[in-house]
Amino acid sequence: MAAAEIPVDLFNPGQVFACLGFLEAADILLGDAEGGFDWNDEDSASFSLRACGHQSPFEEVLQFLAQVEIKRFGPVGYIDPPPKKSKEGAEEEMEESFEANPALGISQTFPARQGDKMSLPIRISDRKRLVELGHWTDDSGRETFKLYSGNRSAYQITRAMLKGIRKKPSRNQKDNGQPGDIKTNGIAQLWEENRSRLIQEPFDVTTPMGGSFNFDPRGAWTAIDAGYSPNDQKPKHMVEASPVVEFLAAWGLEHARPELFDGRQVRYTVWGTPLSPMMARASFAGALSCLPVRRFRFKLDLSGKNKIVTFAEEEISS
């Protein structure tokens, strides 16, 4: 067994969701994973993770994510609709580095009644291990926590978070069969450029991002809060956040949900003892009050049609 810990901001919901994601990922990739929070030092809370293997489980998960291939999949009989003509410049930052019709797999089992091009689940694989993710298309009746909207698909966002976004290739690059220059970094670029810090402090390595699942409040904005819309500026003003938080938060919600109440109020719970993924899911949702826990709540704000996570406040028991 190998164990390691990373710093975490308990008031950043995306980071807590991503801790659950690290736990889920380590259990799938390595086996026998357990994880829990330590808040004895109020100024530097941490999340510890242990799993089978000889090196840090965080390193193993990040290395996997830096190397995976990404594909979409749909239900039997699904065919992509013809592409719509978008307004000039709309969502340009999400369109620059993605093929028009990325590879599509078909599955006999599917989490929704029908396929939606913008919400199709994904498969990530390093040719030895394959993982299916798609909490955003869950049709079981529980809250999906799909926060993004508009002309962005789950595949596009995932690819941006893992592989980064490239500019359109110049004429010279096209002639030489080269891709365009990197515009925004994903986990793959951060792994190559700043591997040591990414392993030690994965949530603190931030980078400008053109689009996301909207889980990291450090990258959230509304036109009112910013005083203007960053998307309307030329060149666009991109905000900084963590692709590790964004993607692993999505993984963390694959089998668990925080509590949604009073419209857009959200409550989540952190636990103070190592737990397996199954027990952690229950504790995250507030179902294990017998453990040492802390509860937090935040509001899902709105940015156009997008929902965005905001920083949380702690609920103090009376």
Protein backbone atom coordinates (compact mmCIF):
# COMPACT_ATOMS: atom_id res chain seq x y z
CA MET A 1 0.00 0.00 0.00
CA ALA A 2 1.11 3.56 -0.70
CA ALA A 3 -0.23 6.70 0.97
CA ALA A 4 0.05 10.44 0.38
CA GLU A 5 -1.80 13.65 1.22
CA ILE A 6 -2.52 16.93 -0.54
CA PRO A 7 -3.74 20.34 0.67
CA VAL A 8 -7.42 21.09 0.15
CA ASP A 9 -9.64 24.13 0.67
CA LEU A 10 -12.75 22.76 2.36
CA PHE A 11 -14.63 25.93 1.41
CA ASN A 12 -14.02 25.25 -2.30
CA PRO A 13 -16.75 22.73 -3.20
CA GLY A 14 -14.98 21.73 -6.42
CA GLN A 15 -11.86 20.71 -4.49
CA VAL A 16 -13.90 18.55 -2.11
CA PHE A 17 -15.74 16.95 -5.06
CA ALA A 18 -12.33 16.34 -6.69
CA CYS A 19 -11.04 14.61 -3.54
CA LEU A 20 -13.89 12.16 -3.90
CA GLY A 21 -12.87 11.87 -7.56
CA PHE A 22 -9.29 11.01 -6.60
CA LEU A 23 -10.64 8.33 -4.26
CA GLU A 24 -12.91 6.85 -6.93
CA ALA A 25 -10.11 6.94 -9.52
CA ALA A 26 -7.53 5.36 -7.20
CA ASP A 27 -9.93 2.55 -6.34
CA ILE A 28 -10.56 1.77 -10.02
CA LEU A 29 -6.96 2.13 -11.18
CA LEU A 30 -5.09 0.72 -8.16
CA GLY A 31 -7.56 -1.04 -5.86
CA ASP A 32 -8.40 -1.02 -2.14
CA ALA A 33 -8.42 2.79 -1.93
CA GLU A 34 -9.36 4.72 1.20
CA GLY A 35 -9.41 8.46 1.72
CA GLY A 36 -10.32 11.04 4.32
CA PHE A 37 -9.87 14.64 5.40
CA ASP A 38 -7.74 16.10 8.20
CA TRP A 39 -8.68 19.55 9.53
CA ASN A 40 -6.73 19.56 12.81
CA ASP A 41 -4.78 22.52 11.47
CA GLU A 42 -7.48 25.04 10.56
CA ASP A 43 -5.12 26.89 8.22
CA SER A 44 -4.05 23.86 6.19
CA ALA A 45 -6.65 21.12 5.79
CA SER A 46 -5.56 18.09 3.81
CA PHE A 47 -6.92 15.02 2.07
CA SER A 48 -5.10 11.72 2.54
CA LEU A 49 -5.35 8.82 0.11
CA ARG A 50 -3.96 5.30 0.23
CA ALA A 51 -4.24 2.48 -2.28
CA CYS A 52 -2.39 -0.54 -3.63
CA GLY A 53 0.96 0.17 -5.25
CA HIS A 54 4.34 1.65 -4.38
CA GLN A 55 4.00 5.31 -5.35
CA SER A 56 1.66 8.15 -4.46
CA PRO A 57 -1.93 7.37 -5.52
CA PHE A 58 -2.24 11.01 -6.59
CA GLU A 59 0.73 10.56 -8.92
CA GLU A 60 -0.75 7.37 -10.37
CA VAL A 61 -4.11 9.02 -11.09
CA LEU A 62 -2.58 12.16 -12.61
CA GLN A 63 -0.22 10.14 -14.80
CA PHE A 64 -3.18 8.13 -16.07
CA LEU A 65 -5.14 11.30 -16.88
CA ALA A 66 -2.14 12.86 -18.65
CA GLN A 67 -1.93 9.92 -21.05
CA VAL A 68 -5.51 8.81 -21.75
CA GLU A 69 -7.38 8.77 -25.01
CA ILE A 70 -10.91 10.20 -24.93
CA LYS A 71 -13.95 8.95 -26.82
CA ARG A 72 -17.68 9.56 -26.66
CA PHE A 73 -20.28 6.83 -26.57
CA GLY A 74 -24.00 6.69 -27.21
CA PRO A 75 -26.91 4.24 -27.06
CA VAL A 76 -27.69 1.67 -29.74
CA GLY A 77 -29.13 3.44 -32.78
CA TYR A 78 -27.71 6.87 -31.89
CA ILE A 79 -26.46 9.00 -34.79
CA ASP A 80 -25.01 12.48 -34.44
CA PRO A 81 -27.34 15.21 -35.74
CA PRO A 82 -25.96 17.42 -38.51
CA PRO A 83 -23.84 20.30 -37.15
CA LYS A 84 -25.59 23.61 -36.61
CA LYS A 85 -24.20 26.84 -37.98
CA SER A 86 -23.05 28.84 -34.97
CA LYS A 87 -22.85 32.58 -34.67
CA GLU A 88 -19.53 33.96 -35.78
CA GLY A 89 -17.08 33.73 -32.88
CA ALA A 90 -19.54 32.03 -30.52
CA GLU A 91 -17.79 29.57 -28.21
CA GLU A 92 -14.74 29.90 -30.45
CA GLU A 93 -12.41 28.94 -27.62
CA MET A 94 -14.06 25.52 -27.38
CA GLU A 95 -14.04 24.87 -31.12
CA GLU A 96 -10.43 25.46 -32.05
CA SER A 97 -8.92 22.07 -31.37
CA PHE A 98 -11.70 19.53 -31.77
CA GLU A 99 -12.62 17.47 -34.78
CA ALA A 100 -16.15 18.07 -36.00
CA ASN A 101 -17.20 14.42 -35.50
CA PRO A 102 -14.97 12.84 -32.84
CA ALA A 103 -14.94 9.06 -32.51
CA LEU A 104 -18.25 7.65 -31.29
CA GLY A 105 -18.69 4.29 -29.58
CA ILE A 106 -21.95 2.47 -29.00
CA SER A 107 -23.01 0.88 -25.72
CA GLN A 108 -25.70 -1.69 -24.97
CA THR A 109 -26.27 0.05 -21.63
CA PHE A 110 -26.79 3.80 -21.36
CA PRO A 111 -27.56 6.12 -18.40
CA ALA A 112 -30.23 8.16 -20.22
CA ARG A 113 -33.34 7.39 -22.26
CA GLN A 114 -31.72 8.79 -25.38
CA GLY A 115 -28.46 10.34 -26.52
CA ASP A 116 -27.85 14.09 -26.53
CA LYS A 117 -24.86 15.26 -28.55
CA MET A 118 -23.90 17.85 -25.92
CA SER A 119 -24.22 15.41 -23.02
CA LEU A 120 -22.89 12.10 -24.30
CA PRO A 121 -20.83 10.18 -21.72
CA ILE A 122 -17.14 9.61 -22.32
CA ARG A 123 -14.67 6.75 -22.17
CA ILE A 124 -11.09 7.41 -21.14
CA SER A 125 -8.45 4.76 -21.70
CA ASP A 126 -4.69 4.27 -21.59
CA ARG A 127 -5.07 1.05 -23.65
CA LYS A 128 -4.76 -1.05 -20.49
CA ARG A 129 -7.63 0.39 -18.47
CA LEU A 130 -10.93 1.87 -19.61
CA VAL A 131 -13.21 4.07 -17.50
CA GLU A 132 -16.69 5.29 -18.43
CA LEU A 133 -17.85 8.63 -17.01
CA GLY A 134 -21.09 10.53 -17.52
CA HIS A 135 -22.77 11.78 -14.35
CA TRP A 136 -24.00 14.77 -16.38
CA THR A 137 -26.29 12.51 -18.43
CA ASP A 138 -27.71 10.48 -15.52
CA ASP A 139 -31.42 9.87 -16.15
CA SER A 140 -32.14 8.01 -12.92
CA GLY A 141 -34.23 10.85 -11.50
CA ARG A 142 -31.62 12.26 -9.14
CA GLU A 143 -29.99 15.66 -9.74
CA THR A 144 -27.48 15.28 -12.59
CA PHE A 145 -25.34 18.25 -11.53
CA LYS A 146 -24.83 19.14 -15.18
CA LEU A 147 -23.82 22.77 -14.77
CA TYR A 148 -22.56 23.66 -18.25
CA SER A 149 -24.80 24.61 -21.17
CA GLY A 150 -24.64 26.16 -24.61
CA ASN A 151 -22.44 25.11 -27.51
CA ARG A 152 -20.14 22.93 -25.41
CA SER A 153 -20.21 19.17 -25.18
CA ALA A 154 -18.92 16.98 -22.38
CA TYR A 155 -16.36 15.60 -24.84
CA GLN A 156 -15.08 19.08 -25.68
CA ILE A 157 -14.82 20.10 -22.03
CA THR A 158 -13.11 16.84 -21.08
CA ARG A 159 -10.62 17.19 -23.90
CA ALA A 160 -9.86 20.77 -22.88
CA MET A 161 -9.33 19.75 -19.24
CA LEU A 162 -7.10 16.78 -20.10
CA LYS A 163 -5.35 17.74 -23.36
CA GLY A 164 -5.62 21.53 -23.43
CA ILE A 165 -6.87 23.69 -26.28
CA ARG A 166 -4.85 24.48 -29.38
CA LYS A 167 -5.20 27.41 -31.70
CA LYS A 168 -6.09 26.80 -35.30
CA PRO A 169 -2.88 25.79 -37.11
CA SER A 170 -1.18 28.44 -39.19
CA ARG A 171 -0.78 27.88 -42.91
CA ASN A 172 2.82 26.79 -42.36
CA GLN A 173 1.75 24.35 -39.61
CA LYS A 174 -0.96 22.93 -41.88
CA ASP A 175 1.51 22.45 -44.72
CA ASN A 176 3.84 20.55 -42.37
CA GLY A 177 1.09 18.48 -40.77
CA GLN A 178 1.62 20.16 -37.41
CA PRO A 179 -1.06 21.06 -34.84
CA GLY A 180 -1.70 24.63 -33.78
CA ASP A 181 0.07 26.20 -30.82
CA ILE A 182 -1.21 25.49 -27.32
CA LYS A 183 -3.69 28.16 -26.21
CA THR A 184 -4.68 26.79 -22.79
CA ASN A 185 -3.09 23.97 -20.80
CA GLY A 186 -4.76 20.77 -19.71
CA ILE A 187 -3.53 18.15 -17.28
CA ALA A 188 -1.24 16.68 -19.97
CA GLN A 189 0.68 19.96 -20.37
CA LEU A 190 0.80 20.63 -16.61
CA TRP A 191 2.12 17.09 -16.08
CA GLU A 192 5.00 17.74 -18.46
CA GLU A 193 5.77 21.28 -17.30
CA ASN A 194 5.24 21.15 -13.53
CA ARG A 195 4.95 17.48 -12.56
CA SER A 196 6.41 17.69 -9.06
CA ARG A 197 4.11 20.50 -7.89
CA LEU A 198 1.12 18.94 -9.63
CA ILE A 199 1.62 15.77 -7.58
CA GLN A 200 2.16 17.63 -4.29
CA GLU A 201 -0.46 20.38 -4.74
CA PRO A 202 -2.72 19.35 -7.64
CA PHE A 203 -5.49 21.83 -6.82
CA ASP A 204 -3.14 24.81 -6.56
CA VAL A 205 -1.74 24.57 -10.09
CA THR A 206 -4.10 26.83 -12.01
CA THR A 207 -4.09 27.90 -15.63
CA PRO A 208 -6.23 30.05 -17.96
CA MET A 209 -9.19 28.05 -19.23
CA GLY A 210 -11.63 28.70 -22.02
CA GLY A 211 -14.37 26.42 -20.76
CA SER A 212 -15.06 23.95 -17.98
CA PHE A 213 -17.65 21.88 -16.12
CA ASN A 214 -18.03 24.95 -13.79
CA PHE A 215 -16.96 23.21 -10.57
CA ASP A 216 -14.00 25.39 -9.51
CA PRO A 217 -15.33 28.70 -8.12
CA ARG A 218 -11.94 30.34 -8.72
CA GLY A 219 -12.78 30.32 -12.42
CA ALA A 220 -16.42 31.34 -12.04
CA TRP A 221 -17.76 34.69 -13.16
CA THR A 222 -20.98 36.45 -14.01
CA ALA A 223 -21.30 39.58 -16.12
CA ILE A 224 -22.43 41.50 -13.01
CA ASP A 225 -19.56 40.25 -10.81
CA ALA A 226 -16.90 40.92 -13.42
CA GLY A 227 -18.40 44.23 -14.55
CA TYR A 228 -18.38 42.87 -18.11
CA SER A 229 -18.53 39.52 -19.86
CA PRO A 230 -15.03 38.06 -20.43
CA ASN A 231 -16.38 36.18 -23.47
CA ASP A 232 -17.23 39.49 -25.15
CA GLN A 233 -13.71 40.87 -24.99
CA LYS A 234 -11.33 40.66 -27.98
CA PRO A 235 -8.99 39.02 -27.29
CA LYS A 236 -11.05 37.07 -24.82
CA HIS A 237 -10.19 37.47 -21.15
CA MET A 238 -9.78 33.90 -19.86
CA VAL A 239 -10.09 33.14 -16.17
CA GLU A 240 -7.74 30.85 -14.24
CA ALA A 241 -8.81 27.67 -12.48
CA SER A 242 -7.67 24.07 -12.06
CA PRO A 243 -8.32 21.45 -14.75
CA VAL A 244 -7.55 18.84 -12.06
CA VAL A 245 -10.40 20.18 -9.92
CA GLU A 246 -12.74 20.43 -12.89
CA PHE A 247 -12.24 16.93 -14.23
CA LEU A 248 -11.87 15.00 -10.97
CA ALA A 249 -14.91 16.78 -9.51
CA ALA A 250 -16.89 15.37 -12.43
CA TRP A 251 -15.45 11.92 -11.65
CA GLY A 252 -16.31 12.35 -7.97
CA LEU A 253 -19.99 12.87 -8.81
CA GLU A 254 -20.18 9.67 -10.83
CA HIS A 255 -21.71 7.72 -7.92
CA ALA A 256 -22.56 10.41 -5.36
CA ARG A 257 -24.37 13.74 -5.14
CA PRO A 258 -24.37 16.59 -2.65
CA GLU A 259 -27.76 17.60 -1.25
CA LEU A 260 -29.66 20.16 -3.33
CA PHE A 261 -32.34 22.11 -1.44
CA ASP A 262 -34.27 25.41 -1.49
CA GLY A 263 -33.81 25.91 -5.19
CA ARG A 264 -30.08 26.30 -5.77
CA GLN A 265 -28.68 25.73 -2.27
CA VAL A 266 -26.24 22.82 -2.03
CA ARG A 267 -24.90 21.00 1.03
CA TYR A 268 -21.91 18.66 1.18
CA THR A 269 -20.11 16.87 4.00
CA VAL A 270 -16.43 16.10 4.58
CA TRP A 271 -15.41 13.17 6.75
CA GLY A 272 -12.50 12.97 9.20
CA THR A 273 -11.52 9.30 8.94
CA PRO A 274 -10.30 7.11 6.04
CA LEU A 275 -13.22 5.57 4.15
CA SER A 276 -13.67 3.31 1.14
CA PRO A 277 -15.40 4.87 -1.90
CA MET A 278 -18.76 3.29 -1.01
CA MET A 279 -18.72 4.70 2.51
CA ALA A 280 -17.30 8.03 1.36
CA ARG A 281 -20.20 8.49 -1.06
CA ALA A 282 -22.67 8.12 1.78
CA SER A 283 -20.71 10.44 4.07
CA PHE A 284 -20.35 13.05 1.31
CA ALA A 285 -24.15 13.17 1.06
CA GLY A 286 -24.46 13.58 4.85
CA ALA A 287 -25.72 10.07 5.62
CA LEU A 288 -23.07 9.08 8.19
CA SER A 289 -23.50 11.45 11.11
CA CYS A 290 -21.82 8.97 13.45
CA LEU A 291 -18.41 9.93 11.98
CA PRO A 292 -16.40 13.07 12.66
CA VAL A 293 -17.75 15.35 9.94
CA ARG A 294 -18.09 18.98 8.90
CA ARG A 295 -20.93 20.30 6.76
CA PHE A 296 -20.81 23.13 4.23
CA ARG A 297 -23.31 24.84 1.98
CA PHE A 298 -23.05 27.00 -1.11
CA LYS A 299 -25.29 28.54 -3.74
CA LEU A 300 -25.32 27.58 -7.39
CA ASP A 301 -25.10 30.95 -9.11
CA LEU A 302 -26.10 31.65 -12.70
CA SER A 303 -23.99 32.89 -15.59
CA GLY A 304 -26.32 33.05 -18.54
CA LYS A 305 -27.69 29.52 -18.88
CA ASN A 306 -24.73 28.06 -17.00
CA LYS A 307 -24.84 27.17 -13.32
CA ILE A 308 -21.63 27.91 -11.45
CA VAL A 309 -20.29 26.74 -8.11
CA THR A 310 -19.54 29.46 -5.53
CA PHE A 311 -17.42 29.33 -2.39
CA ALA A 312 -19.08 27.67 0.60
CA GLU A 313 -19.74 28.59 4.19
CA GLU A 314 -19.69 26.13 7.06
CA GLU A 315 -22.88 25.06 8.82
CA ILE A 316 -22.28 25.20 12.56
CA SER A 317 -24.24 22.70 14.61
CA SER A 318 -26.14 24.21 17.53
